[in-house]
């Protein structure tokens, strides 16, 4: 499973601050739910065990880096 959600046009700096707060609250709850679900099933001695996990991240696109990279790719 892979899911990416992003803005097309961007949000205000204040919206970014609010989004960060939202992610920290809701993301932590989601991570806790996943951790609890996995912990209930993560048992020593299972013969066919598979190690697995989930990563959650928030990124901010740096427009200057994006432009610099595109210049490098055109040469």
N, C-alpha and C. Protein backbone atom coordinates (compact mmCIF):
# COMPACT_ATOMS: atom_id res chain seq x y z
N UNK A 1 0.85 -1.18 0.00
CA UNK A 1 0.00 0.00 0.00
C UNK A 1 0.89 1.23 0.00
N UNK A 2 0.59 2.15 -0.86
CA UNK A 2 1.27 3.44 -0.84
C UNK A 2 0.23 4.50 -1.16
N UNK A 3 0.26 5.56 -0.40
CA UNK A 3 -0.71 6.65 -0.62
C UNK A 3 0.01 7.97 -0.40
N UNK A 4 -0.09 8.88 -1.35
CA UNK A 4 0.50 10.20 -1.25
C UNK A 4 -0.59 11.24 -1.44
N UNK A 5 -0.60 12.23 -0.57
CA UNK A 5 -1.55 13.34 -0.65
C UNK A 5 -0.74 14.62 -0.62
N UNK A 6 -0.99 15.53 -1.57
CA UNK A 6 -0.19 16.76 -1.63
C UNK A 6 -1.01 17.89 -2.24
N UNK A 7 -0.52 19.11 -2.02
CA UNK A 7 -1.20 20.28 -2.59
C UNK A 7 -0.77 20.46 -4.04
N UNK A 8 -1.64 21.01 -4.83
CA UNK A 8 -1.32 21.33 -6.23
C UNK A 8 -0.79 22.75 -6.32
N UNK A 9 -1.42 23.67 -5.62
CA UNK A 9 -1.06 25.08 -5.73
C UNK A 9 -0.36 25.63 -4.49
N UNK A 10 -0.37 24.91 -3.39
CA UNK A 10 0.27 25.36 -2.17
C UNK A 10 -0.72 25.94 -1.17
N UNK A 11 -0.26 26.10 0.07
CA UNK A 11 -1.09 26.65 1.14
C UNK A 11 -0.31 27.80 1.79
N UNK A 12 -0.99 28.59 2.58
CA UNK A 12 -0.34 29.71 3.25
C UNK A 12 0.60 29.20 4.35
N UNK A 13 1.51 30.08 4.80
CA UNK A 13 2.41 29.71 5.88
C UNK A 13 1.63 29.38 7.15
N UNK A 14 0.57 30.13 7.42
CA UNK A 14 -0.25 29.83 8.60
C UNK A 14 -0.95 28.48 8.44
N UNK A 15 -1.44 28.19 7.23
CA UNK A 15 -2.05 26.88 7.00
C UNK A 15 -1.03 25.77 7.23
N UNK A 16 0.23 26.01 6.87
CA UNK A 16 1.28 25.02 7.08
C UNK A 16 1.48 24.77 8.58
N UNK A 17 1.49 25.83 9.37
CA UNK A 17 1.60 25.69 10.82
C UNK A 17 0.42 24.86 11.35
N UNK A 18 -0.77 25.19 10.89
CA UNK A 18 -1.97 24.46 11.31
C UNK A 18 -1.94 23.01 10.85
N UNK A 19 -1.46 22.78 9.63
CA UNK A 19 -1.35 21.42 9.09
C UNK A 19 -0.37 20.60 9.92
N UNK A 20 0.74 21.20 10.32
CA UNK A 20 1.71 20.50 11.15
C UNK A 20 1.08 20.07 12.48
N UNK A 21 0.32 20.96 13.09
CA UNK A 21 -0.38 20.63 14.34
C UNK A 21 -1.37 19.50 14.12
N UNK A 22 -2.11 19.58 13.02
CA UNK A 22 -3.09 18.55 12.67
C UNK A 22 -2.40 17.20 12.50
N UNK A 23 -1.29 17.19 11.75
CA UNK A 23 -0.56 15.93 11.52
C UNK A 23 -0.02 15.35 12.82
N UNK A 24 0.54 16.21 13.66
CA UNK A 24 1.10 15.72 14.92
C UNK A 24 0.02 15.10 15.81
N UNK A 25 -1.16 15.65 15.79
CA UNK A 25 -2.25 15.12 16.60
C UNK A 25 -2.84 13.85 15.97
N UNK A 26 -3.32 13.98 14.77
CA UNK A 26 -3.97 12.84 14.10
C UNK A 26 -2.98 11.76 13.72
N UNK A 27 -1.79 12.17 13.28
CA UNK A 27 -0.76 11.20 12.90
C UNK A 27 -0.31 10.37 14.08
N UNK A 28 -0.17 11.02 15.26
CA UNK A 28 0.23 10.28 16.46
C UNK A 28 -0.84 9.27 16.85
N UNK A 29 -2.10 9.68 16.75
CA UNK A 29 -3.19 8.74 17.06
C UNK A 29 -3.16 7.55 16.10
N UNK A 30 -2.97 7.82 14.83
CA UNK A 30 -2.91 6.74 13.83
C UNK A 30 -1.72 5.82 14.11
N UNK A 31 -0.54 6.41 14.40
CA UNK A 31 0.65 5.62 14.70
C UNK A 31 0.42 4.77 15.96
N UNK A 32 -0.23 5.33 16.98
CA UNK A 32 -0.54 4.56 18.19
C UNK A 32 -1.45 3.39 17.88
N UNK A 33 -2.47 3.61 17.04
CA UNK A 33 -3.38 2.52 16.65
C UNK A 33 -2.62 1.40 15.94
N UNK A 34 -1.73 1.77 15.02
CA UNK A 34 -0.94 0.77 14.30
C UNK A 34 -0.04 0.02 15.28
N UNK A 35 0.64 0.77 16.16
CA UNK A 35 1.53 0.15 17.13
C UNK A 35 0.78 -0.83 18.01
N UNK A 36 -0.38 -0.44 18.49
CA UNK A 36 -1.18 -1.34 19.33
C UNK A 36 -1.60 -2.59 18.56
N UNK A 37 -2.02 -2.43 17.32
CA UNK A 37 -2.44 -3.56 16.51
C UNK A 37 -1.29 -4.53 16.31
N UNK A 38 -0.12 -3.99 15.94
CA UNK A 38 1.04 -4.85 15.72
C UNK A 38 1.53 -5.48 17.02
N UNK A 39 1.55 -4.72 18.10
CA UNK A 39 2.05 -5.23 19.39
C UNK A 39 1.23 -6.41 19.88
N UNK A 40 -0.07 -6.38 19.64
CA UNK A 40 -0.93 -7.49 20.05
C UNK A 40 -0.58 -8.79 19.32
N UNK A 41 0.06 -8.69 18.17
CA UNK A 41 0.35 -9.85 17.33
C UNK A 41 1.84 -10.20 17.27
N UNK A 42 2.68 -9.33 17.77
CA UNK A 42 4.15 -9.47 17.70
C UNK A 42 4.61 -10.40 18.83
N UNK A 43 4.69 -11.70 18.53
CA UNK A 43 4.99 -12.70 19.55
C UNK A 43 6.28 -13.45 19.20
N UNK A 44 7.08 -13.70 20.23
CA UNK A 44 8.31 -14.47 20.07
C UNK A 44 7.97 -15.92 19.78
N UNK A 45 8.77 -16.54 18.91
CA UNK A 45 8.63 -17.96 18.64
C UNK A 45 7.68 -18.32 17.52
N UNK A 46 7.18 -17.35 16.78
CA UNK A 46 6.30 -17.65 15.65
C UNK A 46 7.17 -18.20 14.52
N UNK A 47 6.81 -19.37 14.00
CA UNK A 47 7.67 -20.04 13.02
C UNK A 47 7.69 -19.35 11.65
N UNK A 48 6.61 -18.73 11.25
CA UNK A 48 6.56 -18.09 9.93
C UNK A 48 6.49 -16.57 10.05
N UNK A 49 7.22 -15.99 11.03
CA UNK A 49 7.11 -14.55 11.29
C UNK A 49 7.70 -13.71 10.16
N UNK A 50 7.10 -12.56 9.96
CA UNK A 50 7.56 -11.57 8.99
C UNK A 50 7.64 -10.24 9.72
N UNK A 51 8.81 -9.60 9.67
CA UNK A 51 8.97 -8.28 10.29
C UNK A 51 8.42 -7.23 9.33
N UNK A 52 7.59 -6.33 9.86
CA UNK A 52 6.96 -5.30 9.03
C UNK A 52 6.77 -4.03 9.84
N UNK A 53 6.49 -2.94 9.18
CA UNK A 53 6.25 -1.68 9.85
C UNK A 53 5.71 -0.65 8.88
N UNK A 54 5.44 0.53 9.39
CA UNK A 54 4.87 1.62 8.61
C UNK A 54 5.64 2.89 8.93
N UNK A 55 5.94 3.70 7.92
CA UNK A 55 6.56 4.99 8.13
C UNK A 55 5.61 6.10 7.73
N UNK A 56 5.57 7.15 8.52
CA UNK A 56 4.74 8.32 8.23
C UNK A 56 5.66 9.52 8.20
N UNK A 57 5.57 10.34 7.15
CA UNK A 57 6.45 11.50 7.05
C UNK A 57 5.70 12.69 6.47
N UNK A 58 6.20 13.86 6.75
CA UNK A 58 5.66 15.10 6.21
C UNK A 58 6.82 15.80 5.51
N UNK A 59 6.61 16.20 4.28
CA UNK A 59 7.67 16.88 3.54
C UNK A 59 7.20 18.24 3.07
N UNK A 60 8.16 19.12 2.85
CA UNK A 60 7.89 20.43 2.27
C UNK A 60 8.77 20.55 1.05
N UNK A 61 8.19 20.88 -0.09
CA UNK A 61 8.93 21.02 -1.33
C UNK A 61 9.69 22.34 -1.31
N UNK A 62 10.98 22.27 -1.55
CA UNK A 62 11.81 23.46 -1.66
C UNK A 62 11.89 23.82 -3.15
N UNK A 63 11.17 24.86 -3.53
CA UNK A 63 11.09 25.25 -4.94
C UNK A 63 12.46 25.55 -5.55
N UNK A 64 13.36 26.16 -4.78
CA UNK A 64 14.69 26.47 -5.29
C UNK A 64 15.46 25.19 -5.62
N UNK A 65 15.38 24.21 -4.76
CA UNK A 65 16.03 22.93 -5.02
C UNK A 65 15.44 22.27 -6.26
N UNK A 66 14.13 22.35 -6.40
CA UNK A 66 13.47 21.75 -7.55
C UNK A 66 13.95 22.40 -8.85
N UNK A 67 14.04 23.73 -8.85
CA UNK A 67 14.51 24.45 -10.05
C UNK A 67 15.96 24.12 -10.35
N UNK A 68 16.81 24.06 -9.31
CA UNK A 68 18.23 23.75 -9.49
C UNK A 68 18.40 22.36 -10.07
N UNK A 69 17.63 21.40 -9.58
CA UNK A 69 17.71 20.04 -10.08
C UNK A 69 17.27 19.98 -11.54
N UNK A 70 16.21 20.70 -11.89
CA UNK A 70 15.74 20.66 -13.28
C UNK A 70 16.78 21.25 -14.23
N UNK A 71 17.53 22.24 -13.78
CA UNK A 71 18.60 22.80 -14.61
C UNK A 71 19.70 21.77 -14.83
N UNK A 72 20.03 21.01 -13.81
CA UNK A 72 21.06 19.98 -13.91
C UNK A 72 20.65 18.88 -14.86
N UNK A 73 19.38 18.55 -14.87
CA UNK A 73 18.89 17.45 -15.70
C UNK A 73 18.82 17.81 -17.17
N UNK A 74 18.77 19.09 -17.50
CA UNK A 74 18.65 19.48 -18.91
C UNK A 74 20.00 19.55 -19.60
N UNK A 75 21.10 19.46 -18.88
CA UNK A 75 22.44 19.54 -19.49
C UNK A 75 22.93 18.19 -19.95
